[in-house]
Every structure is written in structure tokens, then in C-alpha cells.
Amino acid sequence: MVRNINKIILLVGLMGSGKTSVGKRLAKKLNLPFVDGDQEIEKAAGLSLIDVLKCFGQEEYRAGEARVMKRLLQGSPCVLASGGGSFVAEQTRRLAKDFAITIWLKADVDVLYSRTAGRKHRPFLEGNDAHLKSKLEEYISEEYPYYSEADIVVETKEEAVDNTVNRVIDAINNYIK
């Protein structure tokens, strides 16, 4: 079991890395609320993520995401699943250093592909699955250097979510010793 945590647990990683599924179960085990960054963006905008992107473009989407993350990171302790690209923003990484324990759920391209293929609700992966793997590889090369700044790295793989959650808890315990 994890000691009393008085910080936000921020889960970062690409779409399909397990931030939401791991986050929900982790929050339950830590007796903390779970907050989904993507849902908070949708609430703030009053639109789906796909509609925010279509209506306002990527630059304004990212600016709104940064505003939402700033508010969330200055809030009460919780398990926070960030939007896939939110940790790329320097302001978000700085705030996370001050207010959170950051955990990168790192997955290889094959795991990401198996978890995202055929899903239509991911605004940055629109299009057919034929180009999905190359798009994911592009995101890996662009965003993994930012994710590497996280406090903790946990490899996610094709395993039961509870196994990943237990490995995250072990990593947190080792980090806060």
C-alpha cells in the first residue's frame, strides 16, 4: 500500500498508453478522486475534443488544454490522467514539478497501435488505420523526450490493468521513500 499522498499523481503518455484505465483503478486503490484531463477540456469548452479541434484548430486546442491543466495541477490531490500531448507544454511540465508526482506510462508502438486502432474518439488520430502506426511513431519521436522528464517511468504492456496499477504503486512507493 502507498503512504498518504498529498500531491497530485499526474499520469502522462501517448493516447493508448493506459492513462484513463490505469488512472481510474489507481485512484480507487489510493482513495483519491480520479480526474480525466480530456473530459475537463470538454467541460470547459462545452464541446467534444474533436469539435474543439475542428472549430478552433490545434493551436487554440493546446492553449485551452494548458489553461485546464494549470487549473487542475493547482487543485487538490487526485489521480489526473492528462491529455496525450499536454505534458509537451513547458508551463504544464513546470507546474507538474511543483504540484505533482509525474508518472509516464510508456508504451511501445505495437501496444499503442493495438489500443487505438479502430477508435474514433481520438482527435489526433483521425483517418484510417493504415497510417496509424506511422502517426504513432511520429508522436513517439516528438513527445517521448518530454515524457522522459517525468519523475517515474512505468512500461505499459499487454497485461491486466491491475498488474500495471500494482507496478505503478510499487514505483510510487520507491519514489517517495
C-alpha atoms as a PDB file:
ATOM      1  CA  MET A   1       0.000   0.000   0.000  1.00  0.00           C
ATOM      2  CA  VAL A   2       1.068   3.579  -0.627  1.00  0.00           C
ATOM      3  CA  ARG A   3       1.572   6.030   2.178  1.00  0.00           C
ATOM      4  CA  ASN A   4      -0.709   9.047   2.437  1.00  0.00           C
ATOM      5  CA  ILE A   5      -0.212  11.068  -0.736  1.00  0.00           C
ATOM      6  CA  ASN A   6      -0.630  14.817  -0.516  1.00  0.00           C
ATOM      7  CA  LYS A   7       0.186  15.579  -4.142  1.00  0.00           C
ATOM      8  CA  ILE A   8      -1.481  15.085  -7.462  1.00  0.00           C
ATOM      9  CA  ILE A   9      -0.499  11.885  -9.251  1.00  0.00           C
ATOM     10  CA  LEU A  10      -0.193  13.000 -12.880  1.00  0.00           C
ATOM     11  CA  LEU A  11      -0.251  10.248 -15.486  1.00  0.00           C
ATOM     12  CA  VAL A  12       1.343  11.227 -18.795  1.00  0.00           C
ATOM     13  CA  GLY A  13       1.875   9.354 -22.039  1.00  0.00           C
ATOM     14  CA  LEU A  14       0.559   8.954 -25.535  1.00  0.00           C
ATOM     15  CA  MET A  15      -3.038   8.071 -26.310  1.00  0.00           C
ATOM     16  CA  GLY A  16      -3.463   4.376 -25.703  1.00  0.00           C
ATOM     17  CA  SER A  17      -0.789   4.179 -23.008  1.00  0.00           C
ATOM     18  CA  GLY A  18      -3.389   3.443 -20.333  1.00  0.00           C
ATOM     19  CA  LYS A  19      -3.738   6.776 -18.527  1.00  0.00           C
ATOM     20  CA  THR A  20      -7.506   6.518 -18.086  1.00  0.00           C
ATOM     21  CA  SER A  21      -7.851   2.798 -17.372  1.00  0.00           C
ATOM     22  CA  VAL A  22      -4.846   2.712 -15.032  1.00  0.00           C
ATOM     23  CA  GLY A  23      -5.808   6.068 -13.523  1.00  0.00           C
ATOM     24  CA  LYS A  24      -9.315   5.030 -12.521  1.00  0.00           C
ATOM     25  CA  ARG A  25      -8.131   1.891 -10.737  1.00  0.00           C
ATOM     26  CA  LEU A  26      -5.118   3.632  -9.216  1.00  0.00           C
ATOM     27  CA  ALA A  27      -7.356   6.353  -7.789  1.00  0.00           C
ATOM     28  CA  LYS A  28      -9.578   3.719  -6.199  1.00  0.00           C
ATOM     29  CA  LYS A  29      -6.598   1.954  -4.596  1.00  0.00           C
ATOM     30  CA  LEU A  30      -5.140   5.253  -3.346  1.00  0.00           C
ATOM     31  CA  ASN A  31      -8.535   6.504  -2.151  1.00  0.00           C
ATOM     32  CA  LEU A  32      -8.164   9.635  -4.283  1.00  0.00           C
ATOM     33  CA  PRO A  33     -10.560  11.171  -6.804  1.00  0.00           C
ATOM     34  CA  PHE A  34      -9.899  10.436 -10.480  1.00  0.00           C
ATOM     35  CA  VAL A  35      -9.848  13.342 -12.929  1.00  0.00           C
ATOM     36  CA  ASP A  36      -9.678  12.896 -16.701  1.00  0.00           C
ATOM     37  CA  GLY A  37      -7.935  15.861 -18.339  1.00  0.00           C
ATOM     38  CA  ASP A  38      -9.673  15.286 -21.683  1.00  0.00           C
ATOM     39  CA  GLN A  39     -13.109  15.328 -20.025  1.00  0.00           C
ATOM     40  CA  GLU A  40     -12.183  18.550 -18.222  1.00  0.00           C
ATOM     41  CA  ILE A  41     -11.254  20.161 -21.566  1.00  0.00           C
ATOM     42  CA  GLU A  42     -14.603  19.073 -22.991  1.00  0.00           C
ATOM     43  CA  LYS A  43     -16.434  20.544 -19.964  1.00  0.00           C
ATOM     44  CA  ALA A  44     -14.541  23.838 -20.224  1.00  0.00           C
ATOM     45  CA  ALA A  45     -15.196  24.147 -23.958  1.00  0.00           C
ATOM     46  CA  GLY A  46     -18.709  22.724 -23.986  1.00  0.00           C
ATOM     47  CA  LEU A  47     -17.649  20.626 -26.985  1.00  0.00           C
ATOM     48  CA  SER A  48     -16.144  17.233 -27.710  1.00  0.00           C
ATOM     49  CA  LEU A  49     -12.373  17.129 -28.181  1.00  0.00           C
ATOM     50  CA  ILE A  50     -12.847  16.502 -31.892  1.00  0.00           C
ATOM     51  CA  ASP A  51     -15.176  19.513 -32.202  1.00  0.00           C
ATOM     52  CA  VAL A  52     -12.796  21.755 -30.216  1.00  0.00           C
ATOM     53  CA  LEU A  53     -10.027  20.828 -32.639  1.00  0.00           C
ATOM     54  CA  LYS A  54     -12.229  21.310 -35.724  1.00  0.00           C
ATOM     55  CA  CYS A  55     -13.695  24.631 -34.553  1.00  0.00           C
ATOM     56  CA  PHE A  56     -10.607  26.268 -33.100  1.00  0.00           C
ATOM     57  CA  GLY A  57      -7.594  24.481 -34.581  1.00  0.00           C
ATOM     58  CA  GLN A  58      -4.677  22.784 -32.904  1.00  0.00           C
ATOM     59  CA  GLU A  59      -3.022  25.925 -31.518  1.00  0.00           C
ATOM     60  CA  GLU A  60      -6.126  27.078 -29.616  1.00  0.00           C
ATOM     61  CA  TYR A  61      -6.849  23.491 -28.569  1.00  0.00           C
ATOM     62  CA  ARG A  62      -3.389  23.295 -26.975  1.00  0.00           C
ATOM     63  CA  ALA A  63      -3.796  26.737 -25.356  1.00  0.00           C
ATOM     64  CA  GLY A  64      -7.109  25.661 -23.810  1.00  0.00           C
ATOM     65  CA  GLU A  65      -5.562  22.387 -22.705  1.00  0.00           C
ATOM     66  CA  ALA A  66      -2.741  24.321 -20.979  1.00  0.00           C
ATOM     67  CA  ARG A  67      -5.281  26.514 -19.145  1.00  0.00           C
ATOM     68  CA  VAL A  68      -7.230  23.480 -17.949  1.00  0.00           C
ATOM     69  CA  MET A  69      -4.046  21.673 -16.851  1.00  0.00           C
ATOM     70  CA  LYS A  70      -2.907  24.772 -14.927  1.00  0.00           C
ATOM     71  CA  ARG A  71      -6.192  24.812 -13.007  1.00  0.00           C
ATOM     72  CA  LEU A  72      -6.118  21.068 -12.347  1.00  0.00           C
ATOM     73  CA  LEU A  73      -2.465  20.967 -11.265  1.00  0.00           C
ATOM     74  CA  GLN A  74      -3.120  23.689  -8.700  1.00  0.00           C
ATOM     75  CA  GLY A  75      -6.052  21.745  -7.260  1.00  0.00           C
ATOM     76  CA  SER A  76      -6.438  19.105  -4.587  1.00  0.00           C
ATOM     77  CA  PRO A  77      -4.639  15.755  -4.580  1.00  0.00           C
ATOM     78  CA  CYS A  78      -6.091  13.357  -7.134  1.00  0.00           C
ATOM     79  CA  VAL A  79      -5.065  10.957  -9.847  1.00  0.00           C
ATOM     80  CA  LEU A  80      -5.033  13.065 -13.004  1.00  0.00           C
ATOM     81  CA  ALA A  81      -4.919  11.466 -16.442  1.00  0.00           C
ATOM     82  CA  SER A  82      -3.520  14.155 -18.705  1.00  0.00           C
ATOM     83  CA  GLY A  83      -4.422  14.638 -22.327  1.00  0.00           C
ATOM     84  CA  GLY A  84      -1.902  12.882 -24.575  1.00  0.00           C
ATOM     85  CA  GLY A  85       0.042  15.970 -25.610  1.00  0.00           C
ATOM     86  CA  SER A  86      -0.495  18.209 -22.589  1.00  0.00           C
ATOM     87  CA  PHE A  87       2.870  17.371 -20.969  1.00  0.00           C
ATOM     88  CA  VAL A  88       4.640  18.767 -24.042  1.00  0.00           C
ATOM     89  CA  ALA A  89       3.734  22.290 -22.895  1.00  0.00           C
ATOM     90  CA  GLU A  90       6.562  23.782 -20.822  1.00  0.00           C
ATOM     91  CA  GLN A  91       4.123  25.504 -18.441  1.00  0.00           C
ATOM     92  CA  THR A  92       2.436  22.181 -17.686  1.00  0.00           C
ATOM     93  CA  ARG A  93       5.758  20.430 -17.033  1.00  0.00           C
ATOM     94  CA  ARG A  94       6.854  23.252 -14.690  1.00  0.00           C
ATOM     95  CA  LEU A  95       3.594  23.169 -12.736  1.00  0.00           C
ATOM     96  CA  ALA A  96       3.760  19.382 -12.558  1.00  0.00           C
ATOM     97  CA  LYS A  97       7.235  19.587 -10.978  1.00  0.00           C
ATOM     98  CA  ASP A  98       5.784  21.823  -8.237  1.00  0.00           C
ATOM     99  CA  PHE A  99       2.419  20.188  -7.605  1.00  0.00           C
ATOM    100  CA  ALA A 100       2.532  16.563  -8.763  1.00  0.00           C
ATOM    101  CA  ILE A 101       4.315  13.273  -8.902  1.00  0.00           C
ATOM    102  CA  THR A 102       4.501  12.603 -12.626  1.00  0.00           C
ATOM    103  CA  ILE A 103       4.294   9.081 -13.966  1.00  0.00           C
ATOM    104  CA  TRP A 104       4.990   8.333 -17.610  1.00  0.00           C
ATOM    105  CA  LEU A 105       3.055   5.308 -18.785  1.00  0.00           C
ATOM    106  CA  LYS A 106       5.445   4.367 -21.564  1.00  0.00           C
ATOM    107  CA  ALA A 107       4.229   2.026 -24.278  1.00  0.00           C
ATOM    108  CA  ASP A 108       5.829   0.832 -27.473  1.00  0.00           C
ATOM    109  CA  VAL A 109       4.239   1.456 -30.851  1.00  0.00           C
ATOM    110  CA  ASP A 110       2.699  -2.023 -31.102  1.00  0.00           C
ATOM    111  CA  VAL A 111       0.895  -1.650 -27.761  1.00  0.00           C
ATOM    112  CA  LEU A 112      -0.305   1.844 -28.698  1.00  0.00           C
ATOM    113  CA  TYR A 113      -1.485   0.590 -32.088  1.00  0.00           C
ATOM    114  CA  SER A 114      -3.444  -2.324 -30.628  1.00  0.00           C
ATOM    115  CA  ARG A 115      -5.165   0.005 -28.170  1.00  0.00           C
ATOM    116  CA  THR A 116      -6.017   2.813 -30.606  1.00  0.00           C
ATOM    117  CA  ALA A 117      -6.801   1.066 -33.915  1.00  0.00           C
ATOM    118  CA  GLY A 118     -10.443   1.455 -34.849  1.00  0.00           C
ATOM    119  CA  ARG A 119     -11.182   4.030 -32.168  1.00  0.00           C
ATOM    120  CA  LYS A 120     -12.974   7.086 -33.499  1.00  0.00           C
ATOM    121  CA  HIS A 121     -12.915   9.375 -30.452  1.00  0.00           C
ATOM    122  CA  ARG A 122      -9.211  10.282 -30.612  1.00  0.00           C
ATOM    123  CA  PRO A 123      -8.971  13.687 -32.289  1.00  0.00           C
ATOM    124  CA  PHE A 124      -5.284  13.478 -33.190  1.00  0.00           C
ATOM    125  CA  LEU A 125      -5.606  10.062 -34.829  1.00  0.00           C
ATOM    126  CA  GLU A 126      -8.408  10.729 -37.263  1.00  0.00           C
ATOM    127  CA  GLY A 127      -8.227   8.926 -40.561  1.00  0.00           C
ATOM    128  CA  ASN A 128      -7.863   5.298 -41.419  1.00  0.00           C
ATOM    129  CA  ASP A 129      -5.833   2.750 -39.520  1.00  0.00           C
ATOM    130  CA  ALA A 130      -3.456   2.236 -42.461  1.00  0.00           C
ATOM    131  CA  HIS A 131      -1.498   5.334 -41.441  1.00  0.00           C
ATOM    132  CA  LEU A 132      -1.986   4.884 -37.712  1.00  0.00           C
ATOM    133  CA  LYS A 133       1.303   3.160 -36.949  1.00  0.00           C
ATOM    134  CA  SER A 134       3.365   5.817 -38.737  1.00  0.00           C
ATOM    135  CA  LYS A 135       1.389   8.580 -36.971  1.00  0.00           C
ATOM    136  CA  LEU A 136       2.057   6.930 -33.602  1.00  0.00           C
ATOM    137  CA  GLU A 137       5.767   6.606 -34.438  1.00  0.00           C
ATOM    138  CA  GLU A 138       5.791  10.325 -35.265  1.00  0.00           C
ATOM    139  CA  TYR A 139       4.222  11.137 -31.890  1.00  0.00           C
ATOM    140  CA  ILE A 140       6.737   8.869 -30.154  1.00  0.00           C
ATOM    141  CA  SER A 141       9.692  10.697 -31.689  1.00  0.00           C
ATOM    142  CA  GLU A 142       8.175  14.136 -30.968  1.00  0.00           C
ATOM    143  CA  GLU A 143       6.775  13.625 -27.471  1.00  0.00           C
ATOM    144  CA  TYR A 144       8.810  10.925 -25.698  1.00  0.00           C
ATOM    145  CA  PRO A 145      11.665  13.386 -24.991  1.00  0.00           C
ATOM    146  CA  TYR A 146       9.179  15.494 -22.976  1.00  0.00           C
ATOM    147  CA  TYR A 147       7.672  12.499 -21.203  1.00  0.00           C
ATOM    148  CA  SER A 148      11.175  11.441 -20.168  1.00  0.00           C
ATOM    149  CA  GLU A 149      11.144  14.406 -17.751  1.00  0.00           C
ATOM    150  CA  ALA A 150       8.532  12.584 -15.615  1.00  0.00           C
ATOM    151  CA  ASP A 151       9.509  11.579 -12.081  1.00  0.00           C
ATOM    152  CA  ILE A 152       8.668   7.915 -12.672  1.00  0.00           C
ATOM    153  CA  VAL A 153       8.559   5.737 -15.788  1.00  0.00           C
ATOM    154  CA  VAL A 154       6.393   2.616 -15.885  1.00  0.00           C
ATOM    155  CA  GLU A 155       6.374   0.490 -19.033  1.00  0.00           C
ATOM    156  CA  THR A 156       2.865  -0.496 -20.034  1.00  0.00           C
ATOM    157  CA  LYS A 157       2.327  -3.662 -21.970  1.00  0.00           C
ATOM    158  CA  GLU A 158      -0.366  -6.113 -22.904  1.00  0.00           C
ATOM    159  CA  GLU A 159      -1.261  -7.254 -19.395  1.00  0.00           C
ATOM    160  CA  ALA A 160      -4.152  -6.985 -16.994  1.00  0.00           C
ATOM    161  CA  VAL A 161      -4.712  -3.366 -15.957  1.00  0.00           C
ATOM    162  CA  ASP A 162      -4.464  -4.336 -12.283  1.00  0.00           C
ATOM    163  CA  ASN A 163      -0.926  -5.631 -12.893  1.00  0.00           C
ATOM    164  CA  THR A 164       0.067  -2.260 -14.345  1.00  0.00           C
ATOM    165  CA  VAL A 165      -1.611  -0.491 -11.420  1.00  0.00           C
ATOM    166  CA  ASN A 166       0.370  -2.606  -8.946  1.00  0.00           C
ATOM    167  CA  ARG A 167       3.609  -1.786 -10.768  1.00  0.00           C
ATOM    168  CA  VAL A 168       2.704   1.936 -10.629  1.00  0.00           C
ATOM    169  CA  ILE A 169       2.057   1.677  -6.883  1.00  0.00           C
ATOM    170  CA  ASP A 170       5.419  -0.061  -6.388  1.00  0.00           C
ATOM    171  CA  ALA A 171       7.117   2.700  -8.383  1.00  0.00           C
ATOM    172  CA  ILE A 172       5.414   5.410  -6.307  1.00  0.00           C
ATOM    173  CA  ASN A 173       6.482   3.692  -3.084  1.00  0.00           C
ATOM    174  CA  ASN A 174      10.082   3.537  -4.306  1.00  0.00           C
ATOM    175  CA  TYR A 175       9.950   7.185  -5.378  1.00  0.00           C
ATOM    176  CA  ILE A 176       8.633   8.591  -2.070  1.00  0.00           C
ATOM    177  CA  LYS A 177      10.929   6.572   0.222  1.00  0.00           C
END
